[in-house]
Amino acid sequence: MRRWYTTFMSQGAVRKKDRVREIEDIPGTIEPGYKDREITEVPVPFRVREAFRAQRIDVEAIGLKIFTFGPCNIMTAREPAAKGGEPLWHLTISCPSRHPTWDEIKVARYRLLPLELTFALLLPPPHLYVNLPEQDHVFQLWEVTDPRAPWTTG
């Protein structure tokens, strides 16, 4: 596997960009054609409050906030990690008719969540994967508290 990966990467599998773009305060580059938009907080809709209440979750206690970001809808909160677990930051981002782009996910993370924390998009084992047809374009970032800090180097 390692040999295939090295060969794949050395052959220029990642296409080179004609122009590198950056957005102030967002690490990394931005894809050509990406249009930065304002993130706007909106009131938590009644149906969302009711959905959380049905799960016995107090939206005020978890600090639920809702935002719009161009075609994206975003929710942030500090929710219990698993049943009875410690509160962790959680960001949900979705678009009605497509997956959010990496740039949209990245901008939402760096503008709405604490900069000193690490977040991950988790892909659980298949039997724990949650996906409904009406929520096909939803991505979730969770705060990661792994003391081994595998995202650091050296």
Protein backbone atom coordinates (compact mmCIF):
# COMPACT_ATOMS: atom_id res chain seq x y z
CA MET A 1 0.00 0.00 0.00
CA ARG A 2 2.78 2.41 0.89
CA ARG A 3 4.45 1.91 -2.50
CA TRP A 4 1.20 2.65 -4.36
CA TYR A 5 0.67 5.81 -2.31
CA THR A 6 4.22 7.06 -2.92
CA THR A 7 3.94 6.34 -6.66
CA PHE A 8 0.51 7.96 -6.85
CA MET A 9 1.69 11.13 -5.12
CA SER A 10 4.98 11.37 -7.04
CA GLN A 11 3.16 11.21 -10.38
CA GLY A 12 1.33 14.43 -9.64
CA ALA A 13 -2.07 12.97 -8.83
CA VAL A 14 -3.09 16.27 -7.31
CA ARG A 15 -3.66 18.76 -10.11
CA LYS A 16 -1.70 21.96 -9.83
CA LYS A 17 -3.59 25.19 -9.41
CA ASP A 18 -3.10 28.02 -11.87
CA ARG A 19 -3.49 30.51 -9.09
CA VAL A 20 -3.25 30.14 -5.33
CA ARG A 21 -5.92 32.02 -3.40
CA GLU A 22 -6.18 32.62 0.30
CA ILE A 23 -8.74 34.16 2.62
CA GLU A 24 -7.50 36.18 5.56
CA ASP A 25 -7.77 34.24 8.85
CA ILE A 26 -8.44 30.89 7.10
CA PRO A 27 -5.44 28.51 6.82
CA GLY A 28 -4.60 26.90 3.50
CA THR A 29 -5.61 27.78 -0.01
CA ILE A 30 -9.05 28.20 -1.54
CA GLU A 31 -10.24 26.54 -4.74
CA PRO A 32 -10.59 28.72 -7.84
CA GLY A 33 -14.17 29.96 -8.13
CA TYR A 34 -14.86 29.91 -4.38
CA LYS A 35 -16.81 32.99 -3.32
CA ASP A 36 -16.45 34.02 0.31
CA ARG A 37 -19.75 34.86 1.98
CA GLU A 38 -20.88 36.32 5.25
CA ILE A 39 -21.93 33.94 8.01
CA THR A 40 -25.14 35.22 9.62
CA GLU A 41 -26.67 34.00 12.88
CA VAL A 42 -30.43 33.38 12.69
CA PRO A 43 -32.98 32.46 15.40
CA VAL A 44 -33.31 28.77 16.24
CA PRO A 45 -36.48 27.62 14.43
CA PHE A 46 -39.32 26.18 16.50
CA ARG A 47 -39.11 22.81 14.68
CA VAL A 48 -35.42 22.52 15.62
CA ARG A 49 -36.16 23.38 19.28
CA GLU A 50 -38.90 20.72 19.27
CA ALA A 51 -36.61 18.09 17.72
CA PHE A 52 -34.03 18.68 20.47
CA ARG A 53 -36.73 18.76 23.15
CA ALA A 54 -38.00 15.36 21.93
CA GLN A 55 -34.51 14.03 22.71
CA ARG A 56 -34.60 15.75 26.13
CA ILE A 57 -31.91 18.24 25.13
CA ASP A 58 -32.22 21.86 26.25
CA VAL A 59 -31.05 24.06 23.35
CA GLU A 60 -30.15 26.86 25.78
CA ALA A 61 -28.01 24.55 27.94
CA ILE A 62 -25.96 23.34 24.96
CA GLY A 63 -25.68 26.84 23.46
CA LEU A 64 -27.25 25.88 20.14
CA LYS A 65 -26.74 28.51 17.45
CA ILE A 66 -27.95 28.48 13.84
CA PHE A 67 -26.26 30.27 10.95
CA THR A 68 -26.67 30.76 7.22
CA PHE A 69 -23.62 30.87 4.97
CA GLY A 70 -24.59 31.34 1.33
CA PRO A 71 -26.44 28.12 0.43
CA CYS A 72 -25.23 26.39 3.62
CA ASN A 73 -27.04 25.95 6.92
CA ILE A 74 -24.87 25.57 10.01
CA MET A 75 -25.54 24.58 13.62
CA THR A 76 -23.03 24.81 16.46
CA ALA A 77 -23.38 23.60 20.04
CA ARG A 78 -21.53 21.96 22.93
CA GLU A 79 -23.18 18.57 23.12
CA PRO A 80 -22.52 15.51 25.27
CA ALA A 81 -20.12 13.08 23.65
CA ALA A 82 -22.11 9.85 23.76
CA LYS A 83 -24.68 9.22 26.47
CA GLY A 84 -23.68 11.15 29.59
CA GLY A 85 -20.34 12.16 28.12
CA GLU A 86 -18.48 15.44 28.52
CA PRO A 87 -19.73 18.35 26.38
CA LEU A 88 -17.79 18.71 23.13
CA TRP A 89 -18.11 21.27 20.36
CA HIS A 90 -20.14 20.04 17.39
CA LEU A 91 -20.69 21.76 14.05
CA THR A 92 -23.20 20.55 11.49
CA ILE A 93 -23.08 22.00 7.97
CA SER A 94 -25.43 21.18 5.11
CA CYS A 95 -26.69 22.40 1.75
CA PRO A 96 -30.15 21.55 0.41
CA SER A 97 -29.10 20.10 -2.97
CA ARG A 98 -25.37 19.32 -2.77
CA HIS A 99 -22.57 18.47 -0.37
CA PRO A 100 -20.89 21.50 1.23
CA THR A 101 -17.50 22.13 -0.35
CA TRP A 102 -14.27 21.66 1.56
CA ASP A 103 -13.79 25.44 1.50
CA GLU A 104 -17.25 26.00 3.02
CA ILE A 105 -16.56 23.43 5.74
CA LYS A 106 -13.13 24.88 6.47
CA VAL A 107 -14.33 28.51 6.59
CA ALA A 108 -17.25 27.59 8.88
CA ARG A 109 -14.92 25.73 11.24
CA TYR A 110 -12.34 28.53 11.51
CA ARG A 111 -14.90 31.31 11.83
CA LEU A 112 -17.33 29.65 14.27
CA LEU A 113 -15.37 27.27 16.51
CA PRO A 114 -12.53 27.90 18.99
CA LEU A 115 -9.24 28.21 17.13
CA GLU A 116 -7.18 26.45 19.82
CA LEU A 117 -9.17 23.21 19.51
CA THR A 118 -8.97 20.41 16.94
CA PHE A 119 -12.00 19.14 15.02
CA ALA A 120 -12.60 16.09 12.85
CA LEU A 121 -15.15 14.79 10.40
CA LEU A 122 -15.85 11.31 11.79
CA LEU A 123 -16.74 8.27 9.71
CA PRO A 124 -17.98 5.63 12.18
CA PRO A 125 -18.19 1.88 11.58
CA PRO A 126 -20.94 1.08 9.04
CA HIS A 127 -23.42 -0.15 11.67
CA LEU A 128 -23.24 3.24 13.44
CA TYR A 129 -23.41 5.38 10.29
CA VAL A 130 -26.46 7.64 10.27
CA ASN A 131 -27.76 8.85 6.94
CA LEU A 132 -31.28 9.63 5.86
CA PRO A 133 -32.18 10.49 2.26
CA GLU A 134 -33.45 13.92 3.37
CA GLN A 135 -30.14 14.55 5.15
CA ASP A 136 -27.78 13.30 2.46
CA HIS A 137 -25.82 16.55 2.27
CA VAL A 138 -25.01 16.92 5.99
CA PHE A 139 -21.48 16.89 7.42
CA GLN A 140 -20.58 16.93 11.11
CA LEU A 141 -17.40 18.12 12.76
CA TRP A 142 -16.70 17.07 16.35
CA GLU A 143 -14.14 18.40 18.80
CA VAL A 144 -11.34 15.85 19.21
CA THR A 145 -9.73 15.46 22.63
CA ASP A 146 -7.38 12.55 21.96
CA PRO A 147 -4.43 13.10 24.35
CA ARG A 148 -2.07 11.47 21.82
CA ALA A 149 -2.68 14.46 19.47
CA PRO A 150 -2.09 12.48 16.26
CA TRP A 151 -2.55 15.66 14.18
CA THR A 152 0.73 17.11 15.51
CA THR A 153 4.13 16.34 14.10
CA GLY A 154 7.47 15.61 15.75
